[in-house]
Structure formats: C-alpha cells, structure tokens
Full PDB file with SEQRES, HELIX, SHEET, SSBOND, CRYST1, ORIGX, SCALE, CONECT and MASTER records, all heavy atoms in Angstrom:
SEQRES   1 A   30  VAL SER PHE HIS ILE GLY ALA ARG THR VAL ASN ASP PRO          
SEQRES   2 A   30  ALA ASN TYR ASP ILE MET LEU LEU VAL GLY LYS LEU LYS          
SEQRES   3 A   30  GLU VAL PHE ASN                                              
HELIX    1 AA1 TYR A   16  VAL A   28  1                                  13    
CRYST1    1.000    1.000    1.000  90.00  90.00  90.00 P 1           1          
ORIGX1      1.000000  0.000000  0.000000        0.00000                         
ORIGX2      0.000000  1.000000  0.000000        0.00000                         
ORIGX3      0.000000  0.000000  1.000000        0.00000                         
SCALE1      1.000000  0.000000  0.000000        0.00000                         
SCALE2      0.000000  1.000000  0.000000        0.00000                         
SCALE3      0.000000  0.000000  1.000000        0.00000                         
ATOM      1  N   VAL A   1       0.848  -1.185   0.000  1.00  0.00           N  
ATOM      2  CA  VAL A   1       0.000   0.000   0.000  1.00  0.00           C  
ATOM      3  C   VAL A   1       0.889   1.242   0.000  1.00  0.00           C  
ATOM      4  O   VAL A   1       1.886   1.297   0.701  1.00  0.00           O  
ATOM      5  CB  VAL A   1      -0.895   0.026   1.266  1.00  0.00           C  
ATOM      6  CG1 VAL A   1      -1.763   1.263   1.287  1.00  0.00           C  
ATOM      7  CG2 VAL A   1      -1.717  -1.239   1.374  1.00  0.00           C  
ATOM      8  N   SER A   2       0.501   2.223  -0.797  1.00  0.00           N  
ATOM      9  CA  SER A   2       1.173   3.515  -0.813  1.00  0.00           C  
ATOM     10  C   SER A   2       0.093   4.585  -0.890  1.00  0.00           C  
ATOM     11  O   SER A   2      -0.783   4.524  -1.746  1.00  0.00           O  
ATOM     12  CB  SER A   2       2.099   3.603  -2.027  1.00  0.00           C  
ATOM     13  OG  SER A   2       2.589   4.911  -2.173  1.00  0.00           O  
ATOM     14  N   PHE A   3       0.132   5.552   0.025  1.00  0.00           N  
ATOM     15  CA  PHE A   3      -0.847   6.631  -0.025  1.00  0.00           C  
ATOM     16  C   PHE A   3      -0.282   7.881   0.628  1.00  0.00           C  
ATOM     17  O   PHE A   3       0.759   7.860   1.262  1.00  0.00           O  
ATOM     18  CB  PHE A   3      -2.183   6.231   0.606  1.00  0.00           C  
ATOM     19  CG  PHE A   3      -2.131   5.899   2.069  1.00  0.00           C  
ATOM     20  CD1 PHE A   3      -2.473   6.842   3.027  1.00  0.00           C  
ATOM     21  CD2 PHE A   3      -1.765   4.636   2.499  1.00  0.00           C  
ATOM     22  CE1 PHE A   3      -2.437   6.535   4.372  1.00  0.00           C  
ATOM     23  CE2 PHE A   3      -1.729   4.317   3.842  1.00  0.00           C  
ATOM     24  CZ  PHE A   3      -2.069   5.273   4.783  1.00  0.00           C  
ATOM     25  N   HIS A   4      -0.982   8.983   0.406  1.00  0.00           N  
ATOM     26  CA  HIS A   4      -0.607  10.267   0.986  1.00  0.00           C  
ATOM     27  C   HIS A   4      -1.721  10.724   1.906  1.00  0.00           C  
ATOM     28  O   HIS A   4      -2.892  10.537   1.609  1.00  0.00           O  
ATOM     29  CB  HIS A   4      -0.388  11.327  -0.097  1.00  0.00           C  
ATOM     30  CG  HIS A   4       0.651  10.958  -1.091  1.00  0.00           C  
ATOM     31  ND1 HIS A   4       0.396  10.857  -2.432  1.00  0.00           N  
ATOM     32  CD2 HIS A   4       1.957  10.638  -0.937  1.00  0.00           C  
ATOM     33  CE1 HIS A   4       1.499  10.512  -3.059  1.00  0.00           C  
ATOM     34  NE2 HIS A   4       2.461  10.359  -2.166  1.00  0.00           N  
ATOM     35  N   ILE A   5      -1.332  11.297   3.016  1.00  0.00           N  
ATOM     36  CA  ILE A   5      -2.300  11.874   3.948  1.00  0.00           C  
ATOM     37  C   ILE A   5      -1.716  13.206   4.402  1.00  0.00           C  
ATOM     38  O   ILE A   5      -0.506  13.342   4.529  1.00  0.00           O  
ATOM     39  CB  ILE A   5      -2.578  10.920   5.134  1.00  0.00           C  
ATOM     40  CG1 ILE A   5      -3.725  11.429   5.973  1.00  0.00           C  
ATOM     41  CG2 ILE A   5      -1.335  10.680   5.950  1.00  0.00           C  
ATOM     42  CD1 ILE A   5      -4.289  10.401   6.925  1.00  0.00           C  
ATOM     43  N   GLY A   6      -2.581  14.191   4.613  1.00  0.00           N  
ATOM     44  CA  GLY A   6      -2.021  15.491   4.936  1.00  0.00           C  
ATOM     45  C   GLY A   6      -2.988  16.440   5.598  1.00  0.00           C  
ATOM     46  O   GLY A   6      -4.044  16.048   6.085  1.00  0.00           O  
ATOM     47  N   ALA A   7      -2.582  17.702   5.574  1.00  0.00           N  
ATOM     48  CA  ALA A   7      -3.351  18.753   6.237  1.00  0.00           C  
ATOM     49  C   ALA A   7      -3.330  20.000   5.374  1.00  0.00           C  
ATOM     50  O   ALA A   7      -2.418  20.220   4.574  1.00  0.00           O  
ATOM     51  CB  ALA A   7      -2.740  19.058   7.604  1.00  0.00           C  
ATOM     52  N   ARG A   8      -4.342  20.820   5.570  1.00  0.00           N  
ATOM     53  CA  ARG A   8      -4.457  22.083   4.845  1.00  0.00           C  
ATOM     54  C   ARG A   8      -4.791  23.176   5.854  1.00  0.00           C  
ATOM     55  O   ARG A   8      -5.625  22.980   6.729  1.00  0.00           O  
ATOM     56  CB  ARG A   8      -5.567  21.969   3.812  1.00  0.00           C  
ATOM     57  CG  ARG A   8      -5.800  23.222   3.039  1.00  0.00           C  
ATOM     58  CD  ARG A   8      -6.892  23.010   2.029  1.00  0.00           C  
ATOM     59  NE  ARG A   8      -7.116  24.252   1.314  1.00  0.00           N  
ATOM     60  CZ  ARG A   8      -7.782  24.350   0.207  1.00  0.00           C  
ATOM     61  NH1 ARG A   8      -8.300  23.277  -0.325  1.00  0.00           N  
ATOM     62  NH2 ARG A   8      -7.941  25.507  -0.373  1.00  0.00           N  
ATOM     63  N   THR A   9      -4.127  24.303   5.737  1.00  0.00           N  
ATOM     64  CA  THR A   9      -4.389  25.410   6.650  1.00  0.00           C  
ATOM     65  C   THR A   9      -4.625  26.702   5.868  1.00  0.00           C  
ATOM     66  O   THR A   9      -4.263  26.802   4.695  1.00  0.00           O  
ATOM     67  CB  THR A   9      -3.193  25.640   7.602  1.00  0.00           C  
ATOM     68  OG1 THR A   9      -2.046  25.957   6.825  1.00  0.00           O  
ATOM     69  CG2 THR A   9      -2.925  24.433   8.463  1.00  0.00           C  
ATOM     70  N   VAL A  10      -5.224  27.654   6.533  1.00  0.00           N  
ATOM     71  CA  VAL A  10      -5.394  29.004   5.986  1.00  0.00           C  
ATOM     72  C   VAL A  10      -4.855  29.999   6.997  1.00  0.00           C  
ATOM     73  O   VAL A  10      -4.796  29.718   8.194  1.00  0.00           O  
ATOM     74  CB  VAL A  10      -6.877  29.319   5.661  1.00  0.00           C  
ATOM     75  CG1 VAL A  10      -7.381  28.415   4.556  1.00  0.00           C  
ATOM     76  CG2 VAL A  10      -7.761  29.162   6.881  1.00  0.00           C  
ATOM     77  N   ASN A  11      -4.434  31.154   6.519  1.00  0.00           N  
ATOM     78  CA  ASN A  11      -3.900  32.213   7.386  1.00  0.00           C  
ATOM     79  C   ASN A  11      -2.796  31.696   8.312  1.00  0.00           C  
ATOM     80  O   ASN A  11      -2.828  31.892   9.518  1.00  0.00           O  
ATOM     81  CB  ASN A  11      -5.023  32.865   8.202  1.00  0.00           C  
ATOM     82  CG  ASN A  11      -6.050  33.513   7.309  1.00  0.00           C  
ATOM     83  OD1 ASN A  11      -5.718  34.034   6.249  1.00  0.00           O  
ATOM     84  ND2 ASN A  11      -7.304  33.466   7.723  1.00  0.00           N  
ATOM     85  N   ASP A  12      -1.824  31.010   7.741  1.00  0.00           N  
ATOM     86  CA  ASP A  12      -0.712  30.420   8.493  1.00  0.00           C  
ATOM     87  C   ASP A  12       0.604  30.787   7.807  1.00  0.00           C  
ATOM     88  O   ASP A  12       1.325  29.924   7.323  1.00  0.00           O  
ATOM     89  CB  ASP A  12      -0.905  28.898   8.548  1.00  0.00           C  
ATOM     90  CG  ASP A  12       0.123  28.193   9.406  1.00  0.00           C  
ATOM     91  OD1 ASP A  12       0.729  28.839  10.280  1.00  0.00           O  
ATOM     92  OD2 ASP A  12       0.330  26.988   9.186  1.00  0.00           O  
ATOM     93  N   PRO A  13       0.950  32.097   7.745  1.00  0.00           N  
ATOM     94  CA  PRO A  13       2.111  32.527   6.969  1.00  0.00           C  
ATOM     95  C   PRO A  13       3.443  31.949   7.439  1.00  0.00           C  
ATOM     96  O   PRO A  13       4.354  31.780   6.651  1.00  0.00           O  
ATOM     97  CB  PRO A  13       2.088  34.048   7.088  1.00  0.00           C  
ATOM     98  CG  PRO A  13       1.258  34.350   8.279  1.00  0.00           C  
ATOM     99  CD  PRO A  13       0.287  33.216   8.427  1.00  0.00           C  
ATOM    100  N   ALA A  14       3.592  31.634   8.682  1.00  0.00           N  
ATOM    101  CA  ALA A  14       4.863  31.094   9.190  1.00  0.00           C  
ATOM    102  C   ALA A  14       4.862  29.567   9.254  1.00  0.00           C  
ATOM    103  O   ALA A  14       5.824  28.962   9.703  1.00  0.00           O  
ATOM    104  CB  ALA A  14       5.156  31.666  10.573  1.00  0.00           C  
ATOM    105  N   ASN A  15       3.779  28.925   8.817  1.00  0.00           N  
ATOM    106  CA  ASN A  15       3.656  27.462   8.769  1.00  0.00           C  
ATOM    107  C   ASN A  15       3.654  26.781  10.135  1.00  0.00           C  
ATOM    108  O   ASN A  15       3.908  25.586  10.227  1.00  0.00           O  
ATOM    109  CB  ASN A  15       4.756  26.846   7.902  1.00  0.00           C  
ATOM    110  CG  ASN A  15       4.613  27.205   6.458  1.00  0.00           C  
ATOM    111  OD1 ASN A  15       3.510  27.302   5.933  1.00  0.00           O  
ATOM    112  ND2 ASN A  15       5.731  27.425   5.799  1.00  0.00           N  
ATOM    113  N   TYR A  16       3.361  27.500  11.214  1.00  0.00           N  
ATOM    114  CA  TYR A  16       3.323  26.874  12.537  1.00  0.00           C  
ATOM    115  C   TYR A  16       2.172  25.886  12.663  1.00  0.00           C  
ATOM    116  O   TYR A  16       2.344  24.775  13.166  1.00  0.00           O  
ATOM    117  CB  TYR A  16       3.208  27.933  13.640  1.00  0.00           C  
ATOM    118  CG  TYR A  16       4.443  28.784  13.795  1.00  0.00           C  
ATOM    119  CD1 TYR A  16       4.375  30.158  13.645  1.00  0.00           C  
ATOM    120  CD2 TYR A  16       5.676  28.218  14.086  1.00  0.00           C  
ATOM    121  CE1 TYR A  16       5.508  30.952  13.775  1.00  0.00           C  
ATOM    122  CE2 TYR A  16       6.811  28.986  14.218  1.00  0.00           C  
ATOM    123  CZ  TYR A  16       6.718  30.357  14.065  1.00  0.00           C  
ATOM    124  OH  TYR A  16       7.830  31.130  14.192  1.00  0.00           O  
ATOM    125  N   ASP A  17       0.991  26.284  12.215  1.00  0.00           N  
ATOM    126  CA  ASP A  17      -0.183  25.415  12.336  1.00  0.00           C  
ATOM    127  C   ASP A  17      -0.035  24.147  11.498  1.00  0.00           C  
ATOM    128  O   ASP A  17      -0.326  23.048  11.968  1.00  0.00           O  
ATOM    129  CB  ASP A  17      -1.456  26.161  11.918  1.00  0.00           C  
ATOM    130  CG  ASP A  17      -1.782  27.305  12.859  1.00  0.00           C  
ATOM    131  OD1 ASP A  17      -1.324  27.277  14.016  1.00  0.00           O  
ATOM    132  OD2 ASP A  17      -2.498  28.232  12.430  1.00  0.00           O  
ATOM    133  N   ILE A  18       0.425  24.305  10.263  1.00  0.00           N  
ATOM    134  CA  ILE A  18       0.534  23.139   9.389  1.00  0.00           C  
ATOM    135  C   ILE A  18       1.589  22.164   9.900  1.00  0.00           C  
ATOM    136  O   ILE A  18       1.413  20.951   9.836  1.00  0.00           O  
ATOM    137  CB  ILE A  18       0.789  23.541   7.922  1.00  0.00           C  
ATOM    138  CG1 ILE A  18       0.371  22.396   7.011  1.00  0.00           C  
ATOM    139  CG2 ILE A  18       2.225  23.921   7.673  1.00  0.00           C  
ATOM    140  CD1 ILE A  18       0.192  22.786   5.580  1.00  0.00           C  
ATOM    141  N   MET A  19       2.690  22.653  10.447  1.00  0.00           N  
ATOM    142  CA  MET A  19       3.716  21.749  10.968  1.00  0.00           C  
ATOM    143  C   MET A  19       3.242  21.041  12.237  1.00  0.00           C  
ATOM    144  O   MET A  19       3.606  19.891  12.474  1.00  0.00           O  
ATOM    145  CB  MET A  19       5.029  22.491  11.201  1.00  0.00           C  
ATOM    146  CG  MET A  19       5.694  22.956   9.902  1.00  0.00           C  
ATOM    147  SD  MET A  19       5.788  21.680   8.609  1.00  0.00           S  
ATOM    148  CE  MET A  19       6.875  20.495   9.360  1.00  0.00           C  
ATOM    149  N   LEU A  20       2.411  21.706  13.027  1.00  0.00           N  
ATOM    150  CA  LEU A  20       1.817  21.053  14.191  1.00  0.00           C  
ATOM    151  C   LEU A  20       0.915  19.903  13.747  1.00  0.00           C  
ATOM    152  O   LEU A  20       0.980  18.799  14.291  1.00  0.00           O  
ATOM    153  CB  LEU A  20       1.024  22.064  15.023  1.00  0.00           C  
ATOM    154  CG  LEU A  20       0.308  21.515  16.250  1.00  0.00           C  
ATOM    155  CD1 LEU A  20       1.318  21.024  17.282  1.00  0.00           C  
ATOM    156  CD2 LEU A  20      -0.592  22.571  16.851  1.00  0.00           C  
ATOM    157  N   LEU A  21       0.099  20.143  12.718  1.00  0.00           N  
ATOM    158  CA  LEU A  21      -0.785  19.102  12.203  1.00  0.00           C  
ATOM    159  C   LEU A  21      -0.002  17.950  11.590  1.00  0.00           C  
ATOM    160  O   LEU A  21      -0.326  16.776  11.809  1.00  0.00           O  
ATOM    161  CB  LEU A  21      -1.746  19.693  11.165  1.00  0.00           C  
ATOM    162  CG  LEU A  21      -2.781  20.669  11.697  1.00  0.00           C  
ATOM    163  CD1 LEU A  21      -3.510  21.356  10.545  1.00  0.00           C  
ATOM    164  CD2 LEU A  21      -3.772  19.970  12.605  1.00  0.00           C  
ATOM    165  N   VAL A  22       1.049  18.245  10.846  1.00  0.00           N  
ATOM    166  CA  VAL A  22       1.887  17.202  10.250  1.00  0.00           C  
ATOM    167  C   VAL A  22       2.565  16.380  11.345  1.00  0.00           C  
ATOM    168  O   VAL A  22       2.666  15.159  11.261  1.00  0.00           O  
ATOM    169  CB  VAL A  22       2.917  17.811   9.274  1.00  0.00           C  
ATOM    170  CG1 VAL A  22       3.982  16.797   8.879  1.00  0.00           C  
ATOM    171  CG2 VAL A  22       2.212  18.349   8.037  1.00  0.00           C  
ATOM    172  N   GLY A  23       3.000  17.023  12.412  1.00  0.00           N  
ATOM    173  CA  GLY A  23       3.589  16.306  13.545  1.00  0.00           C  
ATOM    174  C   GLY A  23       2.606  15.344  14.187  1.00  0.00           C  
ATOM    175  O   GLY A  23       2.966  14.224  14.556  1.00  0.00           O  
ATOM    176  N   LYS A  24       1.349  15.761  14.312  1.00  0.00           N  
ATOM    177  CA  LYS A  24       0.305  14.882  14.868  1.00  0.00           C  
ATOM    178  C   LYS A  24       0.074  13.680  13.970  1.00  0.00           C  
ATOM    179  O   LYS A  24      -0.104  12.556  14.445  1.00  0.00           O  
ATOM    180  CB  LYS A  24      -1.002  15.650  15.068  1.00  0.00           C  
ATOM    181  CG  LYS A  24      -0.920  16.740  16.100  1.00  0.00           C  
ATOM    182  CD  LYS A  24      -0.778  16.171  17.482  1.00  0.00           C  
ATOM    183  CE  LYS A  24      -0.799  17.286  18.516  1.00  0.00           C  
ATOM    184  NZ  LYS A  24      -0.474  16.790  19.842  1.00  0.00           N  
ATOM    185  N   LEU A  25       0.071  13.898  12.641  1.00  0.00           N  
ATOM    186  CA  LEU A  25      -0.095  12.784  11.709  1.00  0.00           C  
ATOM    187  C   LEU A  25       1.050  11.791  11.817  1.00  0.00           C  
ATOM    188  O   LEU A  25       0.848  10.580  11.793  1.00  0.00           O  
ATOM    189  CB  LEU A  25      -0.183  13.302  10.272  1.00  0.00           C  
ATOM    190  CG  LEU A  25      -1.482  13.965   9.870  1.00  0.00           C  
ATOM    191  CD1 LEU A  25      -1.350  14.597   8.489  1.00  0.00           C  
ATOM    192  CD2 LEU A  25      -2.627  12.977   9.886  1.00  0.00           C  
ATOM    193  N   LYS A  26       2.280  12.307  11.975  1.00  0.00           N  
ATOM    194  CA  LYS A  26       3.437  11.422  12.106  1.00  0.00           C  
ATOM    195  C   LYS A  26       3.395  10.627  13.407  1.00  0.00           C  
ATOM    196  O   LYS A  26       3.940   9.527  13.478  1.00  0.00           O  
ATOM    197  CB  LYS A  26       4.728  12.221  12.002  1.00  0.00           C  
ATOM    198  CG  LYS A  26       5.039  12.665  10.577  1.00  0.00           C  
ATOM    199  CD  LYS A  26       6.317  13.439  10.489  1.00  0.00           C  
ATOM    200  CE  LYS A  26       7.491  12.517  10.651  1.00  0.00           C  
ATOM    201  NZ  LYS A  26       8.787  13.196  10.500  1.00  0.00           N  
ATOM    202  N   GLU A  27       2.757  11.159  14.458  1.00  0.00           N  
ATOM    203  CA  GLU A  27       2.602  10.405  15.704  1.00  0.00           C  
ATOM    204  C   GLU A  27       1.666   9.218  15.505  1.00  0.00           C  
ATOM    205  O   GLU A  27       1.890   8.141  16.047  1.00  0.00           O  
ATOM    206  CB  GLU A  27       2.052  11.308  16.804  1.00  0.00           C  
ATOM    207  CG  GLU A  27       3.040  12.310  17.349  1.00  0.00           C  
ATOM    208  CD  GLU A  27       2.405  13.238  18.379  1.00  0.00           C  
ATOM    209  OE1 GLU A  27       1.319  12.914  18.891  1.00  0.00           O  
ATOM    210  OE2 GLU A  27       2.995  14.299  18.657  1.00  0.00           O  
ATOM    211  N   VAL A  28       0.606   9.426  14.746  1.00  0.00           N  
ATOM    212  CA  VAL A  28      -0.368   8.355  14.502  1.00  0.00           C  
ATOM    213  C   VAL A  28       0.180   7.326  13.525  1.00  0.00           C  
ATOM    214  O   VAL A  28       0.060   6.128  13.726  1.00  0.00           O  
ATOM    215  CB  VAL A  28      -1.700   8.937  13.967  1.00  0.00           C  
ATOM    216  CG1 VAL A  28      -2.650   7.835  13.552  1.00  0.00           C  
ATOM    217  CG2 VAL A  28      -2.340   9.843  15.008  1.00  0.00           C  
ATOM    218  N   PHE A  29       0.812   7.808  12.442  1.00  0.00           N  
ATOM    219  CA  PHE A  29       1.334   6.926  11.395  1.00  0.00           C  
ATOM    220  C   PHE A  29       2.855   6.891  11.460  1.00  0.00           C  
ATOM    221  O   PHE A  29       3.535   7.389  10.577  1.00  0.00           O  
ATOM    222  CB  PHE A  29       0.877   7.421  10.017  1.00  0.00           C  
ATOM    223  CG  PHE A  29      -0.595   7.363   9.812  1.00  0.00           C  
ATOM    224  CD1 PHE A  29      -1.364   8.507   9.916  1.00  0.00           C  
ATOM    225  CD2 PHE A  29      -1.226   6.170   9.524  1.00  0.00           C  
ATOM    226  CE1 PHE A  29      -2.729   8.465   9.717  1.00  0.00           C  
ATOM    227  CE2 PHE A  29      -2.590   6.111   9.331  1.00  0.00           C  
ATOM    228  CZ  PHE A  29      -3.351   7.262   9.422  1.00  0.00           C  
ATOM    229  N   ASN A  30       3.411   6.280  12.506  1.00  0.00           N  
ATOM    230  CA  ASN A  30       4.869   6.197  12.597  1.00  0.00           C  
ATOM    231  C   ASN A  30       5.342   4.820  12.131  1.00  0.00           C  
ATOM    232  O   ASN A  30       4.589   3.858  12.094  1.00  0.00           O  
ATOM    233  CB  ASN A  30       5.379   6.545  13.998  1.00  0.00           C  
ATOM    234  CG  ASN A  30       4.793   5.669  15.072  1.00  0.00           C  
ATOM    235  OD1 ASN A  30       4.327   4.572  14.801  1.00  0.00           O  
ATOM    236  ND2 ASN A  30       4.807   6.134  16.290  1.00  0.00           N  
TER     237      ASN A  30                                                      
MASTER        0    0    0    1    0    0    0    6  236    1    0    3          
END                                                                             
C-alpha cells in the first residue's frame, strides 16, 4: 500500500499550524 495523507491550513504565513498538524499525523502513522 502507498498513499498520501495530509493537512491544509489558511492564514498560516509562518507554517506553525501546518507543521503542528503534520507532527500529529506522524505520531499516529509512525
């Protein structure tokens, strides 16, 4: 199996919110 999973944010110019969400995904899918 190969797939992509991710997150989308708005009003996040410094990418703090999106990196927090990506970190949470990596905790679940490690």
